Amino acid sequence: MKKTFFAGLLLMAAVQSANAQKVVLHMAGNQTFECNISKLDSITFEDEHEWVDLGLPSGTLWATCNVGANSPEEYGDHFAWGETKPKDQYSWSTYIHCKGDYNMLTKYCYQSERGYDNYTDTLTELLPEDDAATANWGNGWQMPSLAQLQELFNSEYTTVTWMTQKGKLITSKSNGQTLFLPFAGNRNETRLDDVGNYGDYWSRTLNTYETCYAEGLSFNGSHVWWDVYPSRHRGKSVRPVRIKTR
């Protein structure tokens, strides 16, 4: 969908009475935009980020680029799982949801031996405030679940083509629409590894066997696999999703 969102929109106010004559939009920089109500048919809010409908059974709409990117080919930013900002070092010592070690987790922890002072909770998917897609793009967007990633790469619904040294092109079998995921690599400590050779993408789903891991997707030119044991402190790409409204 093309972006038609009013950038910098701070407030929309209407005179709420039987005699209301106009709608006033208050813009950044003390600018206003007025519209006579008699000429107003409807108001539609459209997102500033584009997405593609691949006709998937779940109704999932996939963003056309990674968080931090401005086009499908750009790599974008890398995020530790459950963090919402990129950083210079990706390690357990800098991970926000622990006290410096994977045996001292402070959130998203179901194993007491991994929790700080035996901390545990029942969280198995990222909350909105810890979701890099929601935090950076706003409500309506979120990181995909493991099930949504698996649906995207399900050969019943899509075909996957390797674009040499660039990434994977995913084509819908139902409507022919396409989605591109670049080989953006991953971050560990201060390094950026495997750029141009591997794509590494987080889901919002916690690993169910080991709480210091989260579910994700990895691929190279010849293989796609479910990266079920990636440490949460690693920096990976985020491709947002949203659900189609009927």
C-alpha atoms as a PDB file:
ATOM      1  CA  MET A   1       0.000   0.000   0.000  1.00  0.00           C
ATOM      2  CA  LYS A   2       1.307   3.451  -0.900  1.00  0.00           C
ATOM      3  CA  LYS A   3       2.091   5.752   1.953  1.00  0.00           C
ATOM      4  CA  THR A   4      -0.243   8.723   2.276  1.00  0.00           C
ATOM      5  CA  PHE A   5       0.120   9.302   6.013  1.00  0.00           C
ATOM      6  CA  PHE A   6       0.444  12.969   7.117  1.00  0.00           C
ATOM      7  CA  ALA A   7       4.058  13.048   8.375  1.00  0.00           C
ATOM      8  CA  GLY A   8       4.334  14.881  11.648  1.00  0.00           C
ATOM      9  CA  LEU A   9       0.600  14.914  12.342  1.00  0.00           C
ATOM     10  CA  LEU A  10       0.142  15.885  15.979  1.00  0.00           C
ATOM     11  CA  LEU A  11      -3.577  16.387  16.462  1.00  0.00           C
ATOM     12  CA  MET A  12      -6.877  16.209  14.660  1.00  0.00           C
ATOM     13  CA  ALA A  13      -9.657  18.261  16.256  1.00  0.00           C
ATOM     14  CA  ALA A  14     -13.271  18.805  15.278  1.00  0.00           C
ATOM     15  CA  VAL A  15     -15.859  21.051  16.842  1.00  0.00           C
ATOM     16  CA  GLN A  16     -18.053  18.410  18.457  1.00  0.00           C
ATOM     17  CA  SER A  17     -21.495  19.969  18.342  1.00  0.00           C
ATOM     18  CA  ALA A  18     -24.580  20.009  16.178  1.00  0.00           C
ATOM     19  CA  ASN A  19     -23.316  23.217  14.598  1.00  0.00           C
ATOM     20  CA  ALA A  20     -19.834  21.920  13.691  1.00  0.00           C
ATOM     21  CA  GLN A  21     -18.783  23.230  10.284  1.00  0.00           C
ATOM     22  CA  LYS A  22     -15.209  22.112   9.803  1.00  0.00           C
ATOM     23  CA  VAL A  23     -12.461  19.667  10.728  1.00  0.00           C
ATOM     24  CA  VAL A  24      -9.083  21.178  11.640  1.00  0.00           C
ATOM     25  CA  LEU A  25      -5.833  19.227  11.386  1.00  0.00           C
ATOM     26  CA  HIS A  26      -3.034  20.721  13.479  1.00  0.00           C
ATOM     27  CA  MET A  27       0.308  19.989  11.833  1.00  0.00           C
ATOM     28  CA  ALA A  28       3.908  20.313  12.979  1.00  0.00           C
ATOM     29  CA  GLY A  29       5.327  23.832  12.793  1.00  0.00           C
ATOM     30  CA  ASN A  30       2.027  25.430  13.846  1.00  0.00           C
ATOM     31  CA  GLN A  31       0.470  24.753  10.462  1.00  0.00           C
ATOM     32  CA  THR A  32      -3.188  23.816  10.129  1.00  0.00           C
ATOM     33  CA  PHE A  33      -5.310  22.209   7.465  1.00  0.00           C
ATOM     34  CA  GLU A  34      -9.052  22.864   7.415  1.00  0.00           C
ATOM     35  CA  CYS A  35     -11.838  20.986   5.650  1.00  0.00           C
ATOM     36  CA  ASN A  36     -15.514  21.887   5.478  1.00  0.00           C
ATOM     37  CA  ILE A  37     -17.552  19.027   6.924  1.00  0.00           C
ATOM     38  CA  SER A  38     -20.130  19.330   4.142  1.00  0.00           C
ATOM     39  CA  LYS A  39     -17.398  18.372   1.673  1.00  0.00           C
ATOM     40  CA  LEU A  40     -15.988  15.546   3.791  1.00  0.00           C
ATOM     41  CA  ASP A  41     -16.994  12.053   2.686  1.00  0.00           C
ATOM     42  CA  SER A  42     -14.692   9.966   4.904  1.00  0.00           C
ATOM     43  CA  ILE A  43     -11.353   9.956   6.707  1.00  0.00           C
ATOM     44  CA  THR A  44      -8.871   7.186   6.013  1.00  0.00           C
ATOM     45  CA  PHE A  45      -5.645   6.662   7.938  1.00  0.00           C
ATOM     46  CA  GLU A  46      -3.044   4.829   5.876  1.00  0.00           C
ATOM     47  CA  ASP A  47       0.267   3.562   7.172  1.00  0.00           C
ATOM     48  CA  GLU A  48       3.524   5.140   6.037  1.00  0.00           C
ATOM     49  CA  HIS A  49       5.068   1.683   5.529  1.00  0.00           C
ATOM     50  CA  GLU A  50       4.225  -0.441   2.519  1.00  0.00           C
ATOM     51  CA  TRP A  51       3.201  -4.089   2.612  1.00  0.00           C
ATOM     52  CA  VAL A  52       2.317  -6.901   0.243  1.00  0.00           C
ATOM     53  CA  ASP A  53      -0.603  -9.325   0.398  1.00  0.00           C
ATOM     54  CA  LEU A  54       0.613 -12.774  -0.656  1.00  0.00           C
ATOM     55  CA  GLY A  55      -2.831 -14.335  -0.255  1.00  0.00           C
ATOM     56  CA  LEU A  56      -1.718 -16.457   2.685  1.00  0.00           C
ATOM     57  CA  PRO A  57      -4.368 -18.415   4.636  1.00  0.00           C
ATOM     58  CA  SER A  58      -3.645 -16.503   7.862  1.00  0.00           C
ATOM     59  CA  GLY A  59      -4.265 -13.151   6.197  1.00  0.00           C
ATOM     60  CA  THR A  60      -0.776 -11.987   7.143  1.00  0.00           C
ATOM     61  CA  LEU A  61       0.449  -8.915   5.292  1.00  0.00           C
ATOM     62  CA  TRP A  62       4.236  -8.683   5.007  1.00  0.00           C
ATOM     63  CA  ALA A  63       6.157  -5.398   5.064  1.00  0.00           C
ATOM     64  CA  THR A  64       8.201  -4.818   1.928  1.00  0.00           C
ATOM     65  CA  CYS A  65      11.378  -3.868   3.813  1.00  0.00           C
ATOM     66  CA  ASN A  66      13.194  -4.526   7.084  1.00  0.00           C
ATOM     67  CA  VAL A  67      12.991  -2.225  10.082  1.00  0.00           C
ATOM     68  CA  GLY A  68      15.600   0.489   9.537  1.00  0.00           C
ATOM     69  CA  ALA A  69      15.548   0.120   5.736  1.00  0.00           C
ATOM     70  CA  ASN A  70      13.940   2.345   3.103  1.00  0.00           C
ATOM     71  CA  SER A  71      13.772  -0.218   0.310  1.00  0.00           C
ATOM     72  CA  PRO A  72      13.508  -4.017   0.007  1.00  0.00           C
ATOM     73  CA  GLU A  73      17.187  -4.350  -0.924  1.00  0.00           C
ATOM     74  CA  GLU A  74      18.525  -2.368   2.040  1.00  0.00           C
ATOM     75  CA  TYR A  75      19.651  -4.415   5.034  1.00  0.00           C
ATOM     76  CA  GLY A  76      18.152  -2.211   7.717  1.00  0.00           C
ATOM     77  CA  ASP A  77      18.987  -2.477  11.414  1.00  0.00           C
ATOM     78  CA  HIS A  78      19.810  -5.500  13.565  1.00  0.00           C
ATOM     79  CA  PHE A  79      18.149  -6.114  16.907  1.00  0.00           C
ATOM     80  CA  ALA A  80      18.747  -8.401  19.846  1.00  0.00           C
ATOM     81  CA  TRP A  81      15.570 -10.361  20.588  1.00  0.00           C
ATOM     82  CA  GLY A  82      13.274  -8.250  22.727  1.00  0.00           C
ATOM     83  CA  GLU A  83      15.225  -5.026  22.157  1.00  0.00           C
ATOM     84  CA  THR A  84      13.896  -2.132  20.113  1.00  0.00           C
ATOM     85  CA  LYS A  85      17.045  -0.196  19.200  1.00  0.00           C
ATOM     86  CA  PRO A  86      20.227  -1.144  17.323  1.00  0.00           C
ATOM     87  CA  LYS A  87      23.502  -0.826  19.218  1.00  0.00           C
ATOM     88  CA  ASP A  88      27.273  -1.125  18.828  1.00  0.00           C
ATOM     89  CA  GLN A  89      27.798  -4.361  20.775  1.00  0.00           C
ATOM     90  CA  TYR A  90      25.605  -7.462  20.837  1.00  0.00           C
ATOM     91  CA  SER A  91      26.469  -9.595  23.841  1.00  0.00           C
ATOM     92  CA  TRP A  92      24.928 -10.902  27.046  1.00  0.00           C
ATOM     93  CA  SER A  93      26.699  -8.102  28.896  1.00  0.00           C
ATOM     94  CA  THR A  94      24.702  -5.514  26.920  1.00  0.00           C
ATOM     95  CA  TYR A  95      21.424  -7.453  26.642  1.00  0.00           C
ATOM     96  CA  ILE A  96      18.572  -5.521  28.217  1.00  0.00           C
ATOM     97  CA  HIS A  97      16.651  -8.526  29.587  1.00  0.00           C
ATOM     98  CA  CYS A  98      19.387  -9.960  31.786  1.00  0.00           C
ATOM     99  CA  LYS A  99      21.950  -8.998  34.399  1.00  0.00           C
ATOM    100  CA  GLY A 100      24.967  -9.551  32.185  1.00  0.00           C
ATOM    101  CA  ASP A 101      24.691 -13.317  31.666  1.00  0.00           C
ATOM    102  CA  TYR A 102      22.291 -15.823  30.099  1.00  0.00           C
ATOM    103  CA  ASN A 103      21.856 -17.434  33.517  1.00  0.00           C
ATOM    104  CA  MET A 104      20.525 -14.161  34.920  1.00  0.00           C
ATOM    105  CA  LEU A 105      17.510 -13.411  32.730  1.00  0.00           C
ATOM    106  CA  THR A 106      15.045 -10.799  33.962  1.00  0.00           C
ATOM    107  CA  LYS A 107      12.201 -11.252  31.437  1.00  0.00           C
ATOM    108  CA  TYR A 108      10.886 -13.964  29.117  1.00  0.00           C
ATOM    109  CA  CYS A 109      12.179 -16.746  31.338  1.00  0.00           C
ATOM    110  CA  TYR A 110      10.429 -20.016  32.193  1.00  0.00           C
ATOM    111  CA  GLN A 111      13.476 -21.819  33.638  1.00  0.00           C
ATOM    112  CA  SER A 112      14.350 -20.763  37.180  1.00  0.00           C
ATOM    113  CA  GLU A 113      17.973 -21.842  36.701  1.00  0.00           C
ATOM    114  CA  ARG A 114      18.242 -19.210  33.934  1.00  0.00           C
ATOM    115  CA  GLY A 115      16.506 -16.457  35.870  1.00  0.00           C
ATOM    116  CA  TYR A 116      18.088 -13.765  38.008  1.00  0.00           C
ATOM    117  CA  ASP A 117      17.431 -14.843  41.611  1.00  0.00           C
ATOM    118  CA  ASN A 118      15.423 -17.762  40.127  1.00  0.00           C
ATOM    119  CA  TYR A 119      13.103 -15.366  38.315  1.00  0.00           C
ATOM    120  CA  THR A 120      10.452 -16.873  36.012  1.00  0.00           C
ATOM    121  CA  ASP A 121       7.430 -15.620  34.098  1.00  0.00           C
ATOM    122  CA  THR A 122       4.908 -17.095  31.657  1.00  0.00           C
ATOM    123  CA  LEU A 123       5.775 -14.929  28.642  1.00  0.00           C
ATOM    124  CA  THR A 124       6.391 -16.882  25.434  1.00  0.00           C
ATOM    125  CA  GLU A 125       5.928 -14.100  22.866  1.00  0.00           C
ATOM    126  CA  LEU A 126       7.221 -10.535  22.858  1.00  0.00           C
ATOM    127  CA  LEU A 127       5.042  -7.862  24.396  1.00  0.00           C
ATOM    128  CA  PRO A 128       4.464  -4.766  22.208  1.00  0.00           C
ATOM    129  CA  GLU A 129       6.915  -2.651  24.208  1.00  0.00           C
ATOM    130  CA  ASP A 130       9.694  -5.175  23.476  1.00  0.00           C
ATOM    131  CA  ASP A 131       8.764  -5.765  19.834  1.00  0.00           C
ATOM    132  CA  ALA A 132      11.115  -3.926  17.455  1.00  0.00           C
ATOM    133  CA  ALA A 133       8.431  -3.724  14.755  1.00  0.00           C
ATOM    134  CA  THR A 134       5.779  -2.242  17.038  1.00  0.00           C
ATOM    135  CA  ALA A 135       8.179   0.102  18.818  1.00  0.00           C
ATOM    136  CA  ASN A 136       9.624   1.512  15.586  1.00  0.00           C
ATOM    137  CA  TRP A 137       6.634   1.390  13.239  1.00  0.00           C
ATOM    138  CA  GLY A 138       3.675   1.743  15.587  1.00  0.00           C
ATOM    139  CA  ASN A 139       0.585  -0.204  16.558  1.00  0.00           C
ATOM    140  CA  GLY A 140      -0.668  -2.640  13.953  1.00  0.00           C
ATOM    141  CA  TRP A 141       2.836  -3.832  13.154  1.00  0.00           C
ATOM    142  CA  GLN A 142       4.652  -6.615  14.974  1.00  0.00           C
ATOM    143  CA  MET A 143       7.417  -9.120  14.485  1.00  0.00           C
ATOM    144  CA  PRO A 144       6.166 -12.342  12.874  1.00  0.00           C
ATOM    145  CA  SER A 145       5.449 -15.398  14.960  1.00  0.00           C
ATOM    146  CA  LEU A 146       7.286 -18.613  14.172  1.00  0.00           C
ATOM    147  CA  ALA A 147       4.066 -19.898  12.580  1.00  0.00           C
ATOM    148  CA  GLN A 148       3.895 -16.868  10.271  1.00  0.00           C
ATOM    149  CA  LEU A 149       7.500 -17.349   9.160  1.00  0.00           C
ATOM    150  CA  GLN A 150       6.841 -21.021   8.481  1.00  0.00           C
ATOM    151  CA  GLU A 151       3.716 -20.157   6.491  1.00  0.00           C
ATOM    152  CA  LEU A 152       5.736 -17.716   4.387  1.00  0.00           C
ATOM    153  CA  PHE A 153       8.162 -20.474   3.397  1.00  0.00           C
ATOM    154  CA  ASN A 154       5.523 -23.204   3.026  1.00  0.00           C
ATOM    155  CA  SER A 155       5.858 -24.656  -0.490  1.00  0.00           C
ATOM    156  CA  GLU A 156       2.077 -25.099  -0.621  1.00  0.00           C
ATOM    157  CA  TYR A 157       1.668 -21.319  -0.672  1.00  0.00           C
ATOM    158  CA  THR A 158       4.895 -19.846  -2.073  1.00  0.00           C
ATOM    159  CA  THR A 159       7.956 -20.518  -4.167  1.00  0.00           C
ATOM    160  CA  VAL A 160      11.408 -19.324  -3.058  1.00  0.00           C
ATOM    161  CA  THR A 161      14.088 -18.197  -5.510  1.00  0.00           C
ATOM    162  CA  TRP A 162      17.699 -17.358  -4.711  1.00  0.00           C
ATOM    163  CA  MET A 163      18.719 -13.960  -6.046  1.00  0.00           C
ATOM    164  CA  THR A 164      22.510 -14.346  -6.346  1.00  0.00           C
ATOM    165  CA  GLN A 165      24.398 -12.576  -3.541  1.00  0.00           C
ATOM    166  CA  LYS A 166      21.318 -10.542  -2.683  1.00  0.00           C
ATOM    167  CA  GLY A 167      18.644 -12.580  -0.935  1.00  0.00           C
ATOM    168  CA  LYS A 168      15.493 -14.638  -1.356  1.00  0.00           C
ATOM    169  CA  LEU A 169      12.556 -13.745  -3.602  1.00  0.00           C
ATOM    170  CA  ILE A 170       9.299 -15.253  -2.347  1.00  0.00           C
ATOM    171  CA  THR A 171       6.442 -15.548  -4.860  1.00  0.00           C
ATOM    172  CA  SER A 172       2.846 -16.275  -3.946  1.00  0.00           C
ATOM    173  CA  LYS A 173       1.270 -19.245  -5.707  1.00  0.00           C
ATOM    174  CA  SER A 174      -2.205 -17.760  -5.304  1.00  0.00           C
ATOM    175  CA  ASN A 175      -1.779 -14.237  -6.667  1.00  0.00           C
ATOM    176  CA  GLY A 176       1.787 -13.889  -7.997  1.00  0.00           C
ATOM    177  CA  GLN A 177       2.771 -11.137  -5.569  1.00  0.00           C
ATOM    178  CA  THR A 178       6.397 -11.149  -4.427  1.00  0.00           C
ATOM    179  CA  LEU A 179       8.414 -10.393  -1.288  1.00  0.00           C
ATOM    180  CA  PHE A 180      12.183  -9.917  -1.078  1.00  0.00           C
ATOM    181  CA  LEU A 181      14.331 -10.739   1.976  1.00  0.00           C
ATOM    182  CA  PRO A 182      17.957  -9.595   1.688  1.00  0.00           C
ATOM    183  CA  PHE A 183      21.075 -11.357   2.939  1.00  0.00           C
ATOM    184  CA  ALA A 184      21.539  -8.856   5.777  1.00  0.00           C
ATOM    185  CA  GLY A 185      23.755 -11.069   7.931  1.00  0.00           C
ATOM    186  CA  ASN A 186      23.787 -10.874  11.735  1.00  0.00           C
ATOM    187  CA  ARG A 187      25.621  -9.145  14.547  1.00  0.00           C
ATOM    188  CA  ASN A 188      27.625 -10.741  17.343  1.00  0.00           C
ATOM    189  CA  GLU A 189      29.716  -8.700  19.758  1.00  0.00           C
ATOM    190  CA  THR A 190      30.935  -5.820  17.563  1.00  0.00           C
ATOM    191  CA  ARG A 191      31.048  -7.816  14.323  1.00  0.00           C
ATOM    192  CA  LEU A 192      28.694  -7.820  11.372  1.00  0.00           C
ATOM    193  CA  ASP A 193      28.877 -11.352   9.978  1.00  0.00           C
ATOM    194  CA  ASP A 194      27.736 -13.065   6.772  1.00  0.00           C
ATOM    195  CA  VAL A 195      26.425  -9.984   4.942  1.00  0.00           C
ATOM    196  CA  GLY A 196      25.634 -10.928   1.360  1.00  0.00           C
ATOM    197  CA  ASN A 197      25.657 -14.644   2.172  1.00  0.00           C
ATOM    198  CA  TYR A 198      23.058 -15.253   4.892  1.00  0.00           C
ATOM    199  CA  GLY A 199      19.743 -13.849   5.994  1.00  0.00           C
ATOM    200  CA  ASP A 200      18.913 -14.075   9.703  1.00  0.00           C
ATOM    201  CA  TYR A 201      15.456 -12.996  10.854  1.00  0.00           C
ATOM    202  CA  TRP A 202      13.822 -13.049  14.279  1.00  0.00           C
ATOM    203  CA  SER A 203      10.336 -14.195  15.115  1.00  0.00           C
ATOM    204  CA  ARG A 204       8.559 -12.856  18.187  1.00  0.00           C
ATOM    205  CA  THR A 205       8.351 -16.401  19.598  1.00  0.00           C
ATOM    206  CA  LEU A 206      10.463 -17.665  22.494  1.00  0.00           C
ATOM    207  CA  ASN A 207      12.161 -21.046  22.182  1.00  0.00           C
ATOM    208  CA  THR A 208      10.185 -23.682  24.101  1.00  0.00           C
ATOM    209  CA  TYR A 209      13.156 -25.870  25.074  1.00  0.00           C
ATOM    210  CA  GLU A 210      15.738 -23.332  26.217  1.00  0.00           C
ATOM    211  CA  THR A 211      14.684 -19.935  27.511  1.00  0.00           C
ATOM    212  CA  CYS A 212      17.887 -18.114  26.538  1.00  0.00           C
ATOM    213  CA  TYR A 213      17.067 -18.800  22.863  1.00  0.00           C
ATOM    214  CA  ALA A 214      14.342 -17.440  20.587  1.00  0.00           C
ATOM    215  CA  GLU A 215      12.929 -18.815  17.351  1.00  0.00           C
ATOM    216  CA  GLY A 216      14.102 -17.456  14.028  1.00  0.00           C
ATOM    217  CA  LEU A 217      14.711 -18.078  10.361  1.00  0.00           C
ATOM    218  CA  SER A 218      18.053 -18.372   8.571  1.00  0.00           C
ATOM    219  CA  PHE A 219      18.831 -18.952   4.906  1.00  0.00           C
ATOM    220  CA  ASN A 220      21.623 -18.853   2.387  1.00  0.00           C
ATOM    221  CA  GLY A 221      21.724 -19.436  -1.344  1.00  0.00           C
ATOM    222  CA  SER A 222      20.807 -23.119  -1.180  1.00  0.00           C
ATOM    223  CA  HIS A 223      19.108 -23.785   2.165  1.00  0.00           C
ATOM    224  CA  VAL A 224      16.403 -22.445   4.459  1.00  0.00           C
ATOM    225  CA  TRP A 225      16.240 -23.607   8.051  1.00  0.00           C
ATOM    226  CA  TRP A 226      14.498 -22.791  11.293  1.00  0.00           C
ATOM    227  CA  ASP A 227      17.147 -21.390  13.580  1.00  0.00           C
ATOM    228  CA  VAL A 228      15.686 -22.814  16.795  1.00  0.00           C
ATOM    229  CA  TYR A 229      18.749 -22.191  18.956  1.00  0.00           C
ATOM    230  CA  PRO A 230      19.848 -18.606  18.287  1.00  0.00           C
ATOM    231  CA  SER A 231      20.939 -16.777  21.434  1.00  0.00           C
ATOM    232  CA  ARG A 232      18.701 -13.853  22.231  1.00  0.00           C
ATOM    233  CA  HIS A 233      21.636 -11.434  22.477  1.00  0.00           C
ATOM    234  CA  ARG A 234      22.527 -11.803  18.775  1.00  0.00           C
ATOM    235  CA  GLY A 235      21.574  -9.026  16.376  1.00  0.00           C
ATOM    236  CA  LYS A 236      19.219 -10.142  13.607  1.00  0.00           C
ATOM    237  CA  SER A 237      16.920  -8.552  11.055  1.00  0.00           C
ATOM    238  CA  VAL A 238      13.252  -7.799  11.696  1.00  0.00           C
ATOM    239  CA  ARG A 239      10.639  -7.939   8.921  1.00  0.00           C
ATOM    240  CA  PRO A 240       7.304  -6.656  10.288  1.00  0.00           C
ATOM    241  CA  VAL A 241       3.863  -8.115   9.627  1.00  0.00           C
ATOM    242  CA  ARG A 242       0.277  -7.087  10.151  1.00  0.00           C
ATOM    243  CA  ILE A 243      -3.056  -8.861   9.775  1.00  0.00           C
ATOM    244  CA  LYS A 244      -5.516  -8.012   7.034  1.00  0.00           C
ATOM    245  CA  THR A 245      -8.692  -6.344   8.268  1.00  0.00           C
ATOM    246  CA  ARG A 246     -11.857  -7.664   6.738  1.00  0.00           C
END
